[in-house]
Amino acid sequence: CVKCYLQLGKLGDIVSILPCLHACYEETGEKPNLVVASRYASILEGLDWLEPVIWPGDWQDVSGALLSAKQHYGEVIITQMHAKDYVPRRQYPSFQLDQWHRCGWLHRWCGLPLDYPRGERAAEGPTILVGDKGESAPFTKTEELIATLTKEFPQHRIVRLSDRILPFAKLLALYDAADLIVTVDTLHAHLSMASKTP
């Protein structure tokens, strides 16, 4: 029975399950199939251990993507925990714990590495990166946060990640060169697991 995982979006939610899917690959030697909305598929570029299945529809159309996936896969594991037409039963206090449970890797929570390709390490000097904008939960105190960091760390350059439109591999290289990452965005929170920068 060939199976797939279904996580149409968003970026942070997709990155959240990548350690689980990589663990599946390591365990079986077979690339896991991941159904993802075309809008968010760029996050999977360069992952040679994963087979992206691009869903052309809206990222919240879990029902439509599920019908399509069932035509090709004997088992569809839905890890998406939010959509307009899909409200799964929650078992844990965090959606991420539910995702890992559905993937079958909750017993390894926070113990699986995120294997993600990266560009050449950036030479930024003493830097603090700030993920200052989140789409799902906008942060209203951005200017106060930037002012506080600037005052407390005068020897560092404060870089707003919202000002940098970079491929994800280059973003990771930027993480690696920084001294600290401060983020209100789940994309940067989950993707930073691939870096040793605190």
N, C-alpha and C. Protein backbone atom coordinates (compact mmCIF):
# COMPACT_ATOMS: atom_id res chain seq x y z
N CYS A 1 0.85 -1.19 0.00
CA CYS A 1 0.00 0.00 0.00
C CYS A 1 0.90 1.25 0.00
N VAL A 2 0.86 1.99 -1.08
CA VAL A 2 1.64 3.21 -1.18
C VAL A 2 0.88 4.32 -0.45
N LYS A 3 1.61 5.05 0.40
CA LYS A 3 0.94 6.10 1.17
C LYS A 3 1.53 7.46 0.86
N CYS A 4 0.79 8.49 1.26
CA CYS A 4 1.29 9.85 1.15
C CYS A 4 0.87 10.61 2.40
N TYR A 5 1.54 11.72 2.60
CA TYR A 5 1.19 12.66 3.67
C TYR A 5 0.58 13.87 3.00
N LEU A 6 -0.40 14.47 3.65
CA LEU A 6 -1.07 15.63 3.09
C LEU A 6 -0.92 16.82 4.04
N GLN A 7 -0.14 17.79 3.62
CA GLN A 7 0.05 19.05 4.36
C GLN A 7 0.15 20.14 3.30
N LEU A 8 -0.97 20.74 2.97
CA LEU A 8 -1.02 21.69 1.86
C LEU A 8 -0.30 22.99 2.17
N GLY A 9 -0.26 23.41 3.38
CA GLY A 9 0.37 24.67 3.78
C GLY A 9 0.20 24.84 5.27
N LYS A 10 0.67 25.90 5.79
CA LYS A 10 1.52 26.95 5.27
C LYS A 10 2.97 26.57 5.46
N LEU A 11 3.87 27.51 5.18
CA LEU A 11 5.30 27.19 5.18
C LEU A 11 5.77 26.60 6.50
N GLY A 12 5.46 27.27 7.61
CA GLY A 12 5.91 26.79 8.92
C GLY A 12 5.34 25.42 9.26
N ASP A 13 4.08 25.19 8.88
CA ASP A 13 3.44 23.90 9.17
C ASP A 13 4.06 22.78 8.35
N ILE A 14 4.47 23.09 7.13
CA ILE A 14 5.14 22.09 6.30
C ILE A 14 6.51 21.76 6.89
N VAL A 15 7.27 22.79 7.23
CA VAL A 15 8.60 22.57 7.80
C VAL A 15 8.51 21.78 9.09
N SER A 16 7.44 21.98 9.84
CA SER A 16 7.24 21.29 11.12
C SER A 16 7.31 19.78 10.98
N ILE A 17 6.79 19.22 9.88
CA ILE A 17 6.76 17.76 9.75
C ILE A 17 7.96 17.19 8.99
N LEU A 18 8.81 18.04 8.44
CA LEU A 18 9.95 17.53 7.67
C LEU A 18 10.87 16.60 8.46
N PRO A 19 11.15 16.87 9.74
CA PRO A 19 11.98 15.90 10.48
C PRO A 19 11.33 14.50 10.53
N CYS A 20 10.01 14.45 10.64
CA CYS A 20 9.31 13.16 10.66
C CYS A 20 9.44 12.45 9.32
N LEU A 21 9.26 13.21 8.23
CA LEU A 21 9.32 12.60 6.91
C LEU A 21 10.75 12.14 6.58
N HIS A 22 11.73 12.92 7.05
CA HIS A 22 13.12 12.51 6.84
C HIS A 22 13.42 11.23 7.63
N ALA A 23 12.87 11.12 8.83
CA ALA A 23 13.04 9.91 9.63
C ALA A 23 12.42 8.71 8.93
N CYS A 24 11.27 8.91 8.28
CA CYS A 24 10.64 7.83 7.49
C CYS A 24 11.57 7.38 6.37
N TYR A 25 12.17 8.35 5.70
CA TYR A 25 13.11 8.04 4.61
C TYR A 25 14.32 7.25 5.14
N GLU A 26 14.86 7.71 6.26
CA GLU A 26 16.02 7.03 6.85
C GLU A 26 15.67 5.60 7.25
N GLU A 27 14.46 5.41 7.73
CA GLU A 27 14.04 4.10 8.22
C GLU A 27 13.74 3.12 7.08
N THR A 28 13.13 3.62 6.00
CA THR A 28 12.66 2.73 4.93
C THR A 28 13.52 2.78 3.67
N GLY A 29 14.25 3.89 3.47
CA GLY A 29 15.00 4.06 2.24
C GLY A 29 14.14 4.52 1.08
N GLU A 30 12.85 4.71 1.32
CA GLU A 30 11.92 5.17 0.28
C GLU A 30 11.53 6.62 0.54
N LYS A 31 11.48 7.41 -0.53
CA LYS A 31 11.10 8.81 -0.39
C LYS A 31 9.63 8.93 -0.02
N PRO A 32 9.31 9.63 1.08
CA PRO A 32 7.90 9.84 1.41
C PRO A 32 7.26 10.80 0.41
N ASN A 33 6.00 10.55 0.09
CA ASN A 33 5.22 11.41 -0.79
C ASN A 33 4.51 12.45 0.05
N LEU A 34 4.67 13.73 -0.30
CA LEU A 34 4.02 14.81 0.45
C LEU A 34 3.19 15.66 -0.49
N VAL A 35 1.87 15.67 -0.26
CA VAL A 35 0.96 16.51 -1.04
C VAL A 35 1.00 17.90 -0.44
N VAL A 36 1.36 18.88 -1.27
CA VAL A 36 1.52 20.26 -0.81
C VAL A 36 0.92 21.19 -1.86
N ALA A 37 0.33 22.30 -1.41
CA ALA A 37 -0.24 23.27 -2.35
C ALA A 37 0.87 23.95 -3.15
N SER A 38 0.60 24.22 -4.41
CA SER A 38 1.62 24.82 -5.28
C SER A 38 2.13 26.14 -4.71
N ARG A 39 1.28 26.86 -4.00
CA ARG A 39 1.67 28.15 -3.41
C ARG A 39 2.84 28.01 -2.44
N TYR A 40 2.96 26.86 -1.79
CA TYR A 40 3.98 26.66 -0.77
C TYR A 40 5.04 25.62 -1.15
N ALA A 41 4.99 25.13 -2.37
CA ALA A 41 5.87 24.03 -2.78
C ALA A 41 7.35 24.41 -2.81
N SER A 42 7.65 25.70 -2.92
CA SER A 42 9.06 26.12 -3.01
C SER A 42 9.86 25.74 -1.76
N ILE A 43 9.20 25.54 -0.64
CA ILE A 43 9.91 25.17 0.60
C ILE A 43 10.54 23.79 0.48
N LEU A 44 10.10 23.00 -0.50
CA LEU A 44 10.60 21.63 -0.65
C LEU A 44 11.73 21.51 -1.67
N GLU A 45 12.10 22.62 -2.30
CA GLU A 45 13.16 22.58 -3.31
C GLU A 45 14.48 22.14 -2.69
N GLY A 46 15.15 21.23 -3.36
CA GLY A 46 16.45 20.76 -2.89
C GLY A 46 16.39 19.60 -1.93
N LEU A 47 15.19 19.16 -1.56
CA LEU A 47 15.07 18.02 -0.64
C LEU A 47 15.02 16.74 -1.48
N ASP A 48 16.17 16.11 -1.67
CA ASP A 48 16.24 14.95 -2.55
C ASP A 48 15.75 13.66 -1.88
N TRP A 49 15.37 13.73 -0.62
CA TRP A 49 14.86 12.56 0.10
C TRP A 49 13.33 12.55 0.19
N LEU A 50 12.69 13.48 -0.51
CA LEU A 50 11.24 13.66 -0.43
C LEU A 50 10.65 13.73 -1.83
N GLU A 51 9.44 13.22 -2.00
CA GLU A 51 8.75 13.30 -3.29
C GLU A 51 7.56 14.26 -3.16
N PRO A 52 7.71 15.52 -3.62
CA PRO A 52 6.59 16.45 -3.54
C PRO A 52 5.49 16.08 -4.53
N VAL A 53 4.25 16.17 -4.10
CA VAL A 53 3.09 15.97 -4.95
C VAL A 53 2.34 17.30 -4.91
N ILE A 54 2.39 18.04 -6.01
CA ILE A 54 1.87 19.41 -6.02
C ILE A 54 0.37 19.43 -6.23
N TRP A 55 -0.34 20.05 -5.29
CA TRP A 55 -1.79 20.23 -5.38
C TRP A 55 -2.03 21.63 -5.96
N PRO A 56 -2.70 21.75 -7.13
CA PRO A 56 -2.86 23.05 -7.78
C PRO A 56 -3.92 23.94 -7.14
N GLY A 57 -4.72 23.38 -6.26
CA GLY A 57 -5.82 24.15 -5.67
C GLY A 57 -5.40 24.95 -4.46
N ASP A 58 -6.38 25.49 -3.77
CA ASP A 58 -6.17 26.32 -2.58
C ASP A 58 -5.61 25.47 -1.44
N TRP A 59 -4.74 26.08 -0.64
CA TRP A 59 -4.11 25.33 0.45
C TRP A 59 -5.09 24.92 1.53
N GLN A 60 -6.28 25.54 1.57
CA GLN A 60 -7.27 25.17 2.58
C GLN A 60 -8.28 24.15 2.07
N ASP A 61 -8.14 23.71 0.82
CA ASP A 61 -9.07 22.74 0.24
C ASP A 61 -8.59 21.32 0.52
N VAL A 62 -8.61 20.96 1.78
CA VAL A 62 -8.16 19.62 2.19
C VAL A 62 -9.05 18.54 1.58
N SER A 63 -10.36 18.79 1.51
CA SER A 63 -11.29 17.78 0.96
C SER A 63 -10.97 17.48 -0.49
N GLY A 64 -10.74 18.54 -1.28
CA GLY A 64 -10.42 18.35 -2.69
C GLY A 64 -9.08 17.64 -2.87
N ALA A 65 -8.09 18.04 -2.12
CA ALA A 65 -6.77 17.41 -2.21
C ALA A 65 -6.84 15.96 -1.76
N LEU A 66 -7.64 15.67 -0.74
CA LEU A 66 -7.80 14.30 -0.25
C LEU A 66 -8.43 13.41 -1.31
N LEU A 67 -9.49 13.90 -1.98
CA LEU A 67 -10.13 13.12 -3.05
C LEU A 67 -9.13 12.80 -4.16
N SER A 68 -8.33 13.79 -4.53
CA SER A 68 -7.32 13.60 -5.57
C SER A 68 -6.26 12.59 -5.12
N ALA A 69 -5.78 12.73 -3.89
CA ALA A 69 -4.73 11.85 -3.38
C ALA A 69 -5.20 10.40 -3.29
N LYS A 70 -6.46 10.20 -2.93
CA LYS A 70 -6.99 8.84 -2.79
C LYS A 70 -7.04 8.09 -4.12
N GLN A 71 -6.99 8.84 -5.24
CA GLN A 71 -6.98 8.19 -6.55
C GLN A 71 -5.62 7.57 -6.85
N HIS A 72 -4.58 8.01 -6.13
CA HIS A 72 -3.22 7.56 -6.42
C HIS A 72 -2.55 6.80 -5.27
N TYR A 73 -3.07 6.98 -4.06
CA TYR A 73 -2.41 6.39 -2.89
C TYR A 73 -3.40 5.58 -2.08
N GLY A 74 -2.95 4.45 -1.59
CA GLY A 74 -3.80 3.58 -0.79
C GLY A 74 -4.06 4.11 0.60
N GLU A 75 -3.12 4.93 1.10
CA GLU A 75 -3.26 5.51 2.44
C GLU A 75 -2.86 6.98 2.38
N VAL A 76 -3.71 7.82 2.92
CA VAL A 76 -3.43 9.26 2.98
C VAL A 76 -3.42 9.67 4.44
N ILE A 77 -2.27 10.16 4.90
CA ILE A 77 -2.14 10.63 6.28
C ILE A 77 -2.22 12.15 6.27
N ILE A 78 -3.28 12.68 6.84
CA ILE A 78 -3.48 14.13 6.85
C ILE A 78 -2.82 14.69 8.10
N THR A 79 -1.78 15.50 7.90
CA THR A 79 -1.10 16.13 9.04
C THR A 79 -1.55 17.58 9.21
N GLN A 80 -2.30 18.09 8.26
CA GLN A 80 -2.77 19.48 8.33
C GLN A 80 -3.80 19.62 9.44
N MET A 81 -3.60 20.60 10.30
CA MET A 81 -4.45 20.75 11.47
C MET A 81 -5.39 21.94 11.39
N HIS A 82 -5.42 22.61 10.21
CA HIS A 82 -6.31 23.76 10.05
C HIS A 82 -6.65 23.95 8.58
N ALA A 83 -7.91 24.16 8.29
CA ALA A 83 -8.38 24.52 6.95
C ALA A 83 -9.83 24.95 7.07
N LYS A 84 -10.32 25.63 6.05
CA LYS A 84 -11.72 26.09 6.08
C LYS A 84 -12.69 24.92 6.13
N ASP A 85 -12.38 23.87 5.36
CA ASP A 85 -13.31 22.75 5.23
C ASP A 85 -12.91 21.52 6.04
N TYR A 86 -11.92 21.69 6.89
CA TYR A 86 -11.40 20.53 7.61
C TYR A 86 -10.99 20.93 9.01
N VAL A 87 -11.66 20.37 10.00
CA VAL A 87 -11.35 20.68 11.40
C VAL A 87 -11.12 19.35 12.12
N PRO A 88 -9.87 18.90 12.18
CA PRO A 88 -9.60 17.61 12.81
C PRO A 88 -9.69 17.68 14.33
N ARG A 89 -9.89 16.52 14.92
CA ARG A 89 -9.92 16.45 16.38
C ARG A 89 -8.51 16.65 16.90
N ARG A 90 -8.37 17.54 17.87
CA ARG A 90 -7.06 17.82 18.47
C ARG A 90 -6.91 16.97 19.72
N GLN A 91 -5.73 16.36 19.88
CA GLN A 91 -5.44 15.55 21.05
C GLN A 91 -4.42 16.19 21.98
N TYR A 92 -3.67 17.15 21.46
CA TYR A 92 -2.54 17.71 22.21
C TYR A 92 -2.65 19.23 22.27
N PRO A 93 -1.93 19.87 23.20
CA PRO A 93 -2.04 21.32 23.36
C PRO A 93 -1.42 22.12 22.22
N SER A 94 -0.61 21.48 21.37
CA SER A 94 0.01 22.16 20.24
C SER A 94 -0.32 21.41 18.96
N PHE A 95 -0.62 22.16 17.90
CA PHE A 95 -0.89 21.54 16.61
C PHE A 95 0.31 20.72 16.14
N GLN A 96 1.50 21.14 16.52
CA GLN A 96 2.71 20.46 16.08
C GLN A 96 2.80 19.07 16.70
N LEU A 97 2.40 18.93 17.94
CA LEU A 97 2.37 17.62 18.58
C LEU A 97 1.39 16.70 17.86
N ASP A 98 0.24 17.26 17.47
CA ASP A 98 -0.74 16.48 16.71
C ASP A 98 -0.16 16.04 15.36
N GLN A 99 0.55 16.94 14.70
CA GLN A 99 1.18 16.59 13.42
C GLN A 99 2.14 15.42 13.59
N TRP A 100 3.02 15.52 14.57
CA TRP A 100 4.03 14.48 14.79
C TRP A 100 3.36 13.16 15.18
N HIS A 101 2.26 13.23 15.95
CA HIS A 101 1.51 12.03 16.31
C HIS A 101 0.95 11.37 15.05
N ARG A 102 0.38 12.16 14.16
CA ARG A 102 -0.20 11.62 12.93
C ARG A 102 0.86 11.01 12.03
N CYS A 103 2.07 11.57 12.07
CA CYS A 103 3.18 11.01 11.29
C CYS A 103 3.75 9.74 11.92
N GLY A 104 3.42 9.52 13.20
CA GLY A 104 3.92 8.34 13.90
C GLY A 104 5.26 8.54 14.58
N TRP A 105 5.65 9.82 14.79
CA TRP A 105 6.97 10.10 15.37
C TRP A 105 6.91 10.93 16.65
N LEU A 106 5.76 10.97 17.32
CA LEU A 106 5.65 11.78 18.53
C LEU A 106 6.62 11.28 19.61
N HIS A 107 6.92 10.00 19.61
CA HIS A 107 7.86 9.45 20.60
C HIS A 107 9.27 10.02 20.43
N ARG A 108 9.55 10.67 19.30
CA ARG A 108 10.86 11.27 19.05
C ARG A 108 10.76 12.80 19.04
N TRP A 109 9.73 13.35 19.65
CA TRP A 109 9.50 14.80 19.67
C TRP A 109 10.77 15.54 20.09
N CYS A 110 11.15 16.51 19.31
CA CYS A 110 12.35 17.34 19.53
C CYS A 110 13.64 16.52 19.47
N GLY A 111 13.59 15.28 19.03
CA GLY A 111 14.80 14.47 18.96
C GLY A 111 15.20 14.14 17.53
N LEU A 112 14.47 14.65 16.57
CA LEU A 112 14.78 14.38 15.16
C LEU A 112 15.39 15.62 14.52
N PRO A 113 16.47 15.46 13.77
CA PRO A 113 17.09 16.63 13.12
C PRO A 113 16.29 17.05 11.89
N LEU A 114 16.45 18.31 11.51
CA LEU A 114 15.89 18.82 10.27
C LEU A 114 17.02 18.86 9.25
N ASP A 115 16.97 17.98 8.27
CA ASP A 115 18.00 17.89 7.25
C ASP A 115 17.56 18.75 6.06
N TYR A 116 18.19 19.91 5.92
CA TYR A 116 17.75 20.85 4.90
C TYR A 116 18.99 21.44 4.21
N PRO A 117 18.98 21.50 2.87
CA PRO A 117 20.16 22.04 2.17
C PRO A 117 20.33 23.52 2.45
N ARG A 118 21.57 24.00 2.35
CA ARG A 118 21.83 25.41 2.61
C ARG A 118 22.83 25.94 1.61
N GLY A 119 22.79 27.24 1.43
CA GLY A 119 23.74 27.92 0.56
C GLY A 119 25.05 28.15 1.30
N GLU A 120 25.96 28.85 0.64
CA GLU A 120 27.25 29.17 1.25
C GLU A 120 27.02 30.12 2.42
N ARG A 121 27.75 29.88 3.51
CA ARG A 121 27.59 30.68 4.72
C ARG A 121 27.78 32.17 4.42
N ALA A 122 26.84 32.97 4.87
CA ALA A 122 26.89 34.40 4.63
C ALA A 122 27.84 35.07 5.62
N ALA A 123 28.55 36.09 5.17
CA ALA A 123 29.46 36.84 6.04
C ALA A 123 28.75 38.13 6.43
N GLU A 124 28.02 38.10 7.51
CA GLU A 124 27.18 39.23 7.90
C GLU A 124 27.77 40.05 9.05
N GLY A 125 28.79 39.54 9.76
CA GLY A 125 29.27 40.22 10.96
C GLY A 125 28.34 39.92 12.11
N PRO A 126 28.56 40.54 13.28
CA PRO A 126 27.68 40.29 14.43
C PRO A 126 26.24 40.69 14.11
N THR A 127 25.36 39.68 14.05
CA THR A 127 24.00 39.90 13.55
C THR A 127 22.98 39.20 14.42
N ILE A 128 21.85 39.87 14.62
CA ILE A 128 20.66 39.25 15.21
C ILE A 128 19.57 39.32 14.15
N LEU A 129 19.03 38.17 13.81
CA LEU A 129 17.95 38.10 12.82
C LEU A 129 16.61 38.18 13.53
N VAL A 130 15.68 38.92 12.97
CA VAL A 130 14.36 39.08 13.58
C VAL A 130 13.29 38.70 12.56
N GLY A 131 12.58 37.62 12.83
CA GLY A 131 11.41 37.24 12.04
C GLY A 131 10.23 38.02 12.59
N ASP A 132 10.02 39.21 12.03
CA ASP A 132 9.11 40.19 12.64
C ASP A 132 7.69 40.17 12.11
N LYS A 133 7.40 39.34 11.13
CA LYS A 133 6.04 39.31 10.58
C LYS A 133 5.56 37.88 10.46
N GLY A 134 4.39 37.63 11.01
CA GLY A 134 3.75 36.33 10.87
C GLY A 134 2.42 36.51 10.17
N GLU A 135 2.11 35.65 9.22
CA GLU A 135 0.88 35.79 8.45
C GLU A 135 -0.35 35.35 9.25
N SER A 136 -0.22 34.22 9.94
CA SER A 136 -1.38 33.67 10.65
C SER A 136 -1.70 34.44 11.93
N ALA A 137 -0.66 34.90 12.62
CA ALA A 137 -0.85 35.62 13.87
C ALA A 137 0.04 36.87 13.86
N PRO A 138 -0.44 37.96 13.26
CA PRO A 138 0.39 39.18 13.16
C PRO A 138 0.84 39.68 14.52
N PHE A 139 2.09 40.13 14.59
CA PHE A 139 2.69 40.65 15.81
C PHE A 139 2.60 42.17 15.78
N THR A 140 2.02 42.76 16.82
CA THR A 140 1.74 44.20 16.81
C THR A 140 2.82 45.06 17.46
N LYS A 141 3.83 44.44 18.06
CA LYS A 141 4.85 45.19 18.80
C LYS A 141 6.21 45.16 18.10
N THR A 142 6.21 45.08 16.78
CA THR A 142 7.45 44.94 16.03
C THR A 142 8.43 46.07 16.30
N GLU A 143 7.96 47.30 16.22
CA GLU A 143 8.86 48.45 16.39
C GLU A 143 9.47 48.47 17.78
N GLU A 144 8.67 48.11 18.79
CA GLU A 144 9.19 48.06 20.16
C GLU A 144 10.24 46.95 20.30
N LEU A 145 10.00 45.81 19.66
CA LEU A 145 10.95 44.71 19.70
C LEU A 145 12.28 45.12 19.06
N ILE A 146 12.22 45.73 17.89
CA ILE A 146 13.43 46.16 17.18
C ILE A 146 14.19 47.19 18.01
N ALA A 147 13.45 48.14 18.61
CA ALA A 147 14.09 49.17 19.44
C ALA A 147 14.78 48.56 20.65
N THR A 148 14.14 47.59 21.28
CA THR A 148 14.72 46.92 22.45
C THR A 148 15.99 46.16 22.08
N LEU A 149 15.94 45.42 20.99
CA LEU A 149 17.12 44.66 20.56
C LEU A 149 18.26 45.59 20.18
N THR A 150 17.94 46.69 19.51
CA THR A 150 18.96 47.66 19.10
C THR A 150 19.64 48.27 20.32
N LYS A 151 18.85 48.57 21.35
CA LYS A 151 19.39 49.17 22.58
C LYS A 151 20.22 48.15 23.38
N GLU A 152 19.71 46.93 23.50
CA GLU A 152 20.36 45.91 24.33
C GLU A 152 21.60 45.30 23.67
N PHE A 153 21.65 45.32 22.34
CA PHE A 153 22.76 44.71 21.61
C PHE A 153 23.35 45.71 20.61
N PRO A 154 23.95 46.80 21.11
CA PRO A 154 24.44 47.85 20.21
C PRO A 154 25.57 47.39 19.29
N GLN A 155 26.26 46.33 19.65
CA GLN A 155 27.36 45.84 18.82
C GLN A 155 26.87 44.95 17.67
N HIS A 156 25.58 44.65 17.65
CA HIS A 156 25.01 43.79 16.62
C HIS A 156 24.19 44.58 15.60
N ARG A 157 24.19 44.07 14.40
CA ARG A 157 23.29 44.60 13.37
C ARG A 157 21.99 43.81 13.48
N ILE A 158 20.87 44.51 13.58
CA ILE A 158 19.56 43.88 13.68
C ILE A 158 18.99 43.80 12.26
N VAL A 159 18.73 42.57 11.80
CA VAL A 159 18.26 42.36 10.43
C VAL A 159 16.84 41.80 10.47
N ARG A 160 15.92 42.54 9.86
CA ARG A 160 14.53 42.07 9.76
C ARG A 160 14.44 41.06 8.62
N LEU A 161 14.01 39.85 8.94
CA LEU A 161 13.89 38.83 7.91
C LEU A 161 12.78 39.15 6.92
N SER A 162 11.83 39.98 7.31
CA SER A 162 10.78 40.38 6.37
C SER A 162 11.33 41.26 5.25
N ASP A 163 12.52 41.83 5.45
CA ASP A 163 13.16 42.64 4.41
C ASP A 163 13.98 41.81 3.44
N ARG A 164 14.13 40.52 3.71
CA ARG A 164 14.97 39.65 2.89
C ARG A 164 14.10 38.61 2.19
N ILE A 165 13.98 38.69 0.90
CA ILE A 165 13.28 37.66 0.13
C ILE A 165 14.38 36.76 -0.44
N LEU A 166 14.57 35.62 0.19
CA LEU A 166 15.67 34.74 -0.18
C LEU A 166 15.16 33.31 -0.38
N PRO A 167 15.84 32.55 -1.26
CA PRO A 167 15.55 31.11 -1.29
C PRO A 167 15.85 30.52 0.09
N PHE A 168 15.16 29.45 0.42
CA PHE A 168 15.28 28.90 1.78
C PHE A 168 16.69 28.43 2.09
N ALA A 169 17.43 27.91 1.10
CA ALA A 169 18.81 27.48 1.33
C ALA A 169 19.68 28.67 1.73
N LYS A 170 19.46 29.82 1.10
CA LYS A 170 20.24 31.01 1.44
C LYS A 170 19.80 31.57 2.78
N LEU A 171 18.52 31.42 3.10
CA LEU A 171 18.03 31.86 4.40
C LEU A 171 18.71 31.07 5.52
N LEU A 172 18.89 29.77 5.31
CA LEU A 172 19.59 28.95 6.30
C LEU A 172 21.05 29.37 6.45
N ALA A 173 21.68 29.74 5.35
CA ALA A 173 23.06 30.23 5.43
C ALA A 173 23.12 31.50 6.26
N LEU A 174 22.10 32.33 6.15
CA LEU A 174 22.01 33.55 6.95
C LEU A 174 21.82 33.20 8.43
N TYR A 175 20.97 32.22 8.71
CA TYR A 175 20.81 31.73 10.09
C TYR A 175 22.15 31.31 10.67
N ASP A 176 22.89 30.50 9.90
CA ASP A 176 24.15 29.94 10.39
C ASP A 176 25.17 31.03 10.74
N ALA A 177 25.12 32.15 10.02
CA ALA A 177 26.09 33.23 10.24
C ALA A 177 25.68 34.16 11.37
N ALA A 178 24.43 34.09 11.82
CA ALA A 178 23.93 35.00 12.85
C ALA A 178 24.31 34.52 14.24
N ASP A 179 24.23 35.44 15.20
CA ASP A 179 24.46 35.09 16.61
C ASP A 179 23.17 34.68 17.32
N LEU A 180 22.03 35.15 16.79
CA LEU A 180 20.75 34.89 17.45
C LEU A 180 19.63 35.07 16.44
N ILE A 181 18.56 34.27 16.60
CA ILE A 181 17.35 34.42 15.79
C ILE A 181 16.19 34.68 16.75
N VAL A 182 15.49 35.77 16.53
CA VAL A 182 14.30 36.10 17.31
C VAL A 182 13.14 36.10 16.31
N THR A 183 12.10 35.32 16.57
CA THR A 183 11.05 35.24 15.57
C THR A 183 9.66 35.14 16.18
N VAL A 184 8.70 35.74 15.49
CA VAL A 184 7.29 35.59 15.82
C VAL A 184 6.59 34.79 14.72
N ASP A 185 7.37 34.32 13.74
CA ASP A 185 6.84 33.61 12.58
C ASP A 185 7.21 32.13 12.69
N THR A 186 6.23 31.24 12.53
CA THR A 186 6.50 29.81 12.68
C THR A 186 7.46 29.28 11.61
N LEU A 187 7.47 29.90 10.42
CA LEU A 187 8.42 29.44 9.40
C LEU A 187 9.84 29.50 9.95
N HIS A 188 10.24 30.66 10.49
CA HIS A 188 11.60 30.81 11.01
C HIS A 188 11.81 29.97 12.26
N ALA A 189 10.78 29.82 13.08
CA ALA A 189 10.91 28.99 14.28
C ALA A 189 11.22 27.54 13.91
N HIS A 190 10.47 26.99 12.95
CA HIS A 190 10.68 25.59 12.58
C HIS A 190 11.91 25.40 11.72
N LEU A 191 12.15 26.31 10.76
CA LEU A 191 13.29 26.18 9.87
C LEU A 191 14.61 26.34 10.62
N SER A 192 14.59 27.13 11.70
CA SER A 192 15.81 27.35 12.47
C SER A 192 16.30 26.07 13.15
N MET A 193 15.45 25.05 13.20
CA MET A 193 15.87 23.76 13.77
C MET A 193 16.98 23.12 12.94
N ALA A 194 17.14 23.58 11.69
CA ALA A 194 18.21 23.07 10.83
C ALA A 194 19.52 23.79 11.07
N SER A 195 19.52 24.77 11.96
CA SER A 195 20.72 25.56 12.26
C SER A 195 21.07 25.43 13.73
N LYS A 196 22.34 25.64 14.07
CA LYS A 196 22.75 25.59 15.47
C LYS A 196 22.64 26.94 16.15
N THR A 197 22.27 27.96 15.40
CA THR A 197 22.13 29.30 15.97
C THR A 197 20.94 29.32 16.93
N PRO A 198 21.15 29.83 18.16
CA PRO A 198 20.02 29.85 19.12
C PRO A 198 18.94 30.84 18.70
